[in-house]
């Protein structure tokens, strides 16, 4: 038995009949350090806008970003059902400028824990947003060619590294630029190998994309058919 297994304490688990299909973060994700954000230590974020998944997962936060122009009605619906802190997308590609800034401010007033801006958002917009909202701005880094330091200087408080299968390598390069202490969230992937590589590269917290509701329902129905 290795030292890690010797020192790890037993954690009792309590489940109920009606909530057996809760979407779980991979156990390996909890090996990261976490980020203390306004008094909460967050290691895991569920990447989804599905309100049913948001109500039925074990992550410590939700990252709600979607490929359409942000709408307050969507933000409010997510915040209304989420039992944990939510980081909401407010634009960056399709939506930017004063509109994105106003959406970020409204998200804060409705209870968002932070706002996420996509990689294309200009530094000037990030700067103006940082002067207007109090909650942290999370900026997405999709390539080593992104202006990492410029985004930080503009007011980004957390980096969200999203490099697909190359995320560990991208995290490592970004960590070299920002040093050891700047907070980094990164996409986790679905294997323990990829997750540990991302953590070892320097990620402090991980976002995880769960199965969709139709995929989960398909598995449940397959089980019913066997009975």
Protein backbone atom coordinates (compact mmCIF):
# COMPACT_ATOMS: atom_id res chain seq x y z
CA UNK A 1 0.00 0.00 0.00
CA UNK A 2 1.48 3.38 -0.96
CA UNK A 3 1.66 6.38 1.36
CA UNK A 4 -1.22 8.11 -0.44
CA UNK A 5 -3.58 5.22 0.34
CA UNK A 6 -2.32 4.97 3.94
CA UNK A 7 -3.01 8.60 4.71
CA UNK A 8 -6.29 8.97 2.84
CA UNK A 9 -9.24 8.87 5.24
CA UNK A 10 -12.36 6.82 4.63
CA UNK A 11 -15.22 9.00 3.40
CA UNK A 12 -18.73 7.66 4.13
CA UNK A 13 -21.17 7.92 1.22
CA UNK A 14 -24.91 8.53 1.54
CA UNK A 15 -27.25 8.12 -1.43
CA UNK A 16 -31.01 8.01 -1.97
CA UNK A 17 -33.17 5.97 -4.31
CA UNK A 18 -34.34 9.00 -6.28
CA UNK A 19 -30.92 10.57 -6.81
CA UNK A 20 -28.76 7.69 -7.95
CA UNK A 21 -28.03 9.22 -11.35
CA UNK A 22 -26.25 12.32 -10.09
CA UNK A 23 -23.42 13.33 -12.42
CA UNK A 24 -20.14 12.87 -10.59
CA UNK A 25 -16.87 14.68 -11.06
CA UNK A 26 -13.99 12.25 -11.65
CA UNK A 27 -12.32 11.47 -8.33
CA UNK A 28 -8.92 12.43 -9.75
CA UNK A 29 -10.13 16.01 -10.18
CA UNK A 30 -9.97 16.53 -6.42
CA UNK A 31 -6.18 16.12 -6.47
CA UNK A 32 -5.84 19.75 -7.60
CA UNK A 33 -5.20 22.57 -5.12
CA UNK A 34 -8.43 24.45 -5.69
CA UNK A 35 -8.93 28.22 -5.86
CA UNK A 36 -10.20 30.28 -2.94
CA UNK A 37 -12.82 32.56 -4.47
CA UNK A 38 -14.59 34.96 -2.13
CA UNK A 39 -14.12 32.58 0.79
CA UNK A 40 -14.97 29.35 -1.03
CA UNK A 41 -12.39 26.78 -2.06
CA UNK A 42 -13.37 25.49 -5.49
CA UNK A 43 -11.68 22.53 -7.17
CA UNK A 44 -14.40 21.30 -9.51
CA UNK A 45 -16.76 23.01 -11.95
CA UNK A 46 -19.46 21.29 -14.01
CA UNK A 47 -19.46 22.73 -17.54
CA UNK A 48 -23.13 22.77 -18.55
CA UNK A 49 -26.20 24.92 -19.09
CA UNK A 50 -28.63 22.01 -18.67
CA UNK A 51 -30.70 22.95 -15.61
CA UNK A 52 -31.47 19.29 -14.87
CA UNK A 53 -27.74 18.46 -14.79
CA UNK A 54 -27.07 21.61 -12.75
CA UNK A 55 -29.50 20.33 -10.10
CA UNK A 56 -28.05 16.82 -10.16
CA UNK A 57 -24.27 16.89 -9.96
CA UNK A 58 -21.63 16.90 -7.23
CA UNK A 59 -19.29 19.64 -8.50
CA UNK A 60 -18.49 22.59 -6.26
CA UNK A 61 -19.47 25.14 -8.93
CA UNK A 62 -21.01 25.46 -12.38
CA UNK A 63 -19.49 27.04 -15.47
CA UNK A 64 -22.40 28.02 -17.72
CA UNK A 65 -21.14 29.08 -21.15
CA UNK A 66 -23.08 28.56 -24.37
CA UNK A 67 -22.55 29.27 -28.10
CA UNK A 68 -25.20 31.98 -28.46
CA UNK A 69 -25.40 35.62 -27.49
CA UNK A 70 -25.89 35.76 -23.70
CA UNK A 71 -29.40 36.52 -22.45
CA UNK A 72 -30.36 37.54 -18.95
CA UNK A 73 -33.35 35.18 -18.99
CA UNK A 74 -30.99 32.22 -19.49
CA UNK A 75 -28.61 33.47 -16.81
CA UNK A 76 -31.49 33.93 -14.35
CA UNK A 77 -32.89 30.45 -15.05
CA UNK A 78 -29.50 28.88 -14.35
CA UNK A 79 -28.92 30.91 -11.19
CA UNK A 80 -32.42 30.10 -9.92
CA UNK A 81 -31.82 26.34 -9.99
CA UNK A 82 -28.11 26.11 -9.15
CA UNK A 83 -27.33 24.94 -5.59
CA UNK A 84 -23.68 26.02 -5.96
CA UNK A 85 -21.78 29.10 -7.23
CA UNK A 86 -22.19 29.81 -10.95
CA UNK A 87 -19.73 31.36 -13.38
CA UNK A 88 -21.74 32.59 -16.36
CA UNK A 89 -20.64 33.35 -19.89
CA UNK A 90 -21.14 36.98 -20.90
CA UNK A 91 -19.64 37.05 -24.38
CA UNK A 92 -16.32 37.64 -26.04
CA UNK A 93 -16.80 36.42 -29.57
CA UNK A 94 -20.28 37.10 -30.93
CA UNK A 95 -21.10 39.54 -28.13
CA UNK A 96 -18.69 42.18 -26.86
CA UNK A 97 -18.38 45.86 -25.94
CA UNK A 98 -21.00 47.69 -23.84
CA UNK A 99 -23.54 44.89 -24.28
CA UNK A 100 -21.21 42.29 -22.71
CA UNK A 101 -20.34 44.70 -19.89
CA UNK A 102 -24.01 45.31 -19.09
CA UNK A 103 -24.76 41.57 -19.21
CA UNK A 104 -21.89 40.98 -16.75
CA UNK A 105 -23.24 43.64 -14.40
CA UNK A 106 -26.75 42.19 -14.52
CA UNK A 107 -25.35 38.70 -13.91
CA UNK A 108 -23.62 40.02 -10.79
CA UNK A 109 -26.84 41.60 -9.53
CA UNK A 110 -28.67 38.30 -10.03
CA UNK A 111 -26.10 36.40 -7.97
CA UNK A 112 -23.42 35.10 -10.35
CA UNK A 113 -20.17 34.18 -8.61
CA UNK A 114 -18.08 35.23 -11.59
CA UNK A 115 -18.32 35.98 -15.30
CA UNK A 116 -16.56 34.15 -18.13
CA UNK A 117 -15.38 35.94 -21.26
CA UNK A 118 -14.30 34.08 -24.37
CA UNK A 119 -10.83 34.25 -25.89
CA UNK A 120 -11.56 36.86 -28.61
CA UNK A 121 -12.70 39.57 -26.16
CA UNK A 122 -10.51 42.66 -26.48
CA UNK A 123 -8.45 43.76 -23.51
CA UNK A 124 -10.11 47.18 -23.55
CA UNK A 125 -13.50 45.54 -22.98
CA UNK A 126 -12.10 43.39 -20.17
CA UNK A 127 -10.67 46.53 -18.58
CA UNK A 128 -13.97 48.40 -18.79
CA UNK A 129 -15.83 45.36 -17.42
CA UNK A 130 -13.40 45.03 -14.50
CA UNK A 131 -14.05 48.65 -13.59
CA UNK A 132 -17.82 48.05 -13.65
CA UNK A 133 -18.32 44.68 -11.94
CA UNK A 134 -17.03 43.44 -8.59
CA UNK A 135 -17.14 39.68 -9.17
CA UNK A 136 -14.12 37.97 -10.77
CA UNK A 137 -13.67 37.98 -14.53
CA UNK A 138 -12.57 34.60 -15.88
CA UNK A 139 -10.97 34.87 -19.31
CA UNK A 140 -10.60 31.89 -21.62
CA UNK A 141 -7.20 31.04 -23.08
CA UNK A 142 -7.54 28.82 -26.15
CA UNK A 143 -4.06 29.19 -27.65
CA UNK A 144 -0.55 30.11 -26.58
CA UNK A 145 -0.89 32.99 -29.05
CA UNK A 146 -3.53 34.64 -26.83
CA UNK A 147 -2.39 37.77 -25.01
CA UNK A 148 -2.26 36.18 -21.57
CA UNK A 149 -0.48 38.98 -19.72
CA UNK A 150 -2.52 41.65 -21.50
CA UNK A 151 -5.77 40.05 -20.32
CA UNK A 152 -4.48 39.87 -16.75
CA UNK A 153 -3.32 43.48 -16.81
CA UNK A 154 -6.75 44.46 -18.16
CA UNK A 155 -8.46 42.94 -15.12
CA UNK A 156 -8.94 39.19 -15.60
CA UNK A 157 -8.68 37.53 -12.18
CA UNK A 158 -8.73 33.87 -13.28
CA UNK A 159 -7.63 32.11 -16.48
CA UNK A 160 -9.76 29.38 -18.04
CA UNK A 161 -7.45 27.26 -20.19
CA UNK A 162 -9.29 25.32 -22.89
CA UNK A 163 -6.93 23.54 -25.25
CA UNK A 164 -8.86 20.36 -26.03
CA UNK A 165 -6.59 17.31 -26.06
CA UNK A 166 -3.61 19.67 -25.75
CA UNK A 167 -4.83 21.30 -22.54
CA UNK A 168 -2.00 19.93 -20.32
CA UNK A 169 0.62 21.36 -22.68
CA UNK A 170 -1.19 24.69 -22.91
CA UNK A 171 -1.54 24.90 -19.12
CA UNK A 172 2.19 24.27 -18.77
CA UNK A 173 3.04 27.08 -21.21
CA UNK A 174 0.59 29.49 -19.58
CA UNK A 175 1.94 28.65 -16.13
CA UNK A 176 5.44 29.62 -17.31
CA UNK A 177 4.06 33.02 -18.32
CA UNK A 178 1.99 33.82 -15.22
CA UNK A 179 4.10 32.20 -12.50
CA UNK A 180 3.07 29.78 -9.77
CA UNK A 181 0.37 31.77 -7.99
CA UNK A 182 -2.07 33.08 -10.61
CA UNK A 183 -5.29 30.98 -10.55
CA UNK A 184 -5.92 28.67 -13.49
CA UNK A 185 -9.04 26.66 -14.29
CA UNK A 186 -8.60 24.09 -17.07
CA UNK A 187 -10.77 21.62 -18.95
CA UNK A 188 -10.25 18.19 -17.43
CA UNK A 189 -10.92 15.64 -20.14
CA UNK A 190 -12.50 12.30 -19.25
CA UNK A 191 -9.58 10.05 -18.31
CA UNK A 192 -7.57 10.01 -15.10
CA UNK A 193 -4.39 10.23 -17.17
CA UNK A 194 -5.48 13.46 -18.85
CA UNK A 195 -6.78 14.90 -15.58
CA UNK A 196 -3.54 14.21 -13.70
CA UNK A 197 -1.46 15.57 -16.59
CA UNK A 198 -3.50 18.79 -16.47
CA UNK A 199 -3.11 19.10 -12.69
CA UNK A 200 0.61 18.37 -12.83
CA UNK A 201 0.97 21.01 -15.55
CA UNK A 202 -0.32 23.64 -13.12
CA UNK A 203 -4.13 23.74 -13.13
CA UNK A 204 -5.66 24.78 -9.78
CA UNK A 205 -9.26 23.77 -10.61
CA UNK A 206 -10.91 21.69 -13.31
CA UNK A 207 -14.05 22.02 -15.39
CA UNK A 208 -15.76 18.83 -16.52
CA UNK A 209 -18.25 18.30 -19.33
CA UNK A 210 -20.84 15.73 -18.18
CA UNK A 211 -22.95 13.39 -20.23
CA UNK A 212 -26.02 15.08 -21.68
CA UNK A 213 -29.52 14.36 -20.39
CA UNK A 214 -30.40 12.37 -23.57
CA UNK A 215 -27.26 10.24 -23.14
CA UNK A 216 -28.11 9.50 -19.52
CA UNK A 217 -31.71 8.70 -20.42
CA UNK A 218 -30.52 6.38 -23.19
CA UNK A 219 -28.51 4.39 -20.64
CA UNK A 220 -31.47 4.24 -18.26
CA UNK A 221 -33.81 3.05 -21.02
CA UNK A 222 -31.32 0.40 -22.10
CA UNK A 223 -31.37 -0.90 -18.52
CA UNK A 224 -35.18 -0.94 -18.49
CA UNK A 225 -35.26 -2.99 -21.71
CA UNK A 226 -33.12 -5.70 -20.14
CA UNK A 227 -35.60 -6.21 -17.29
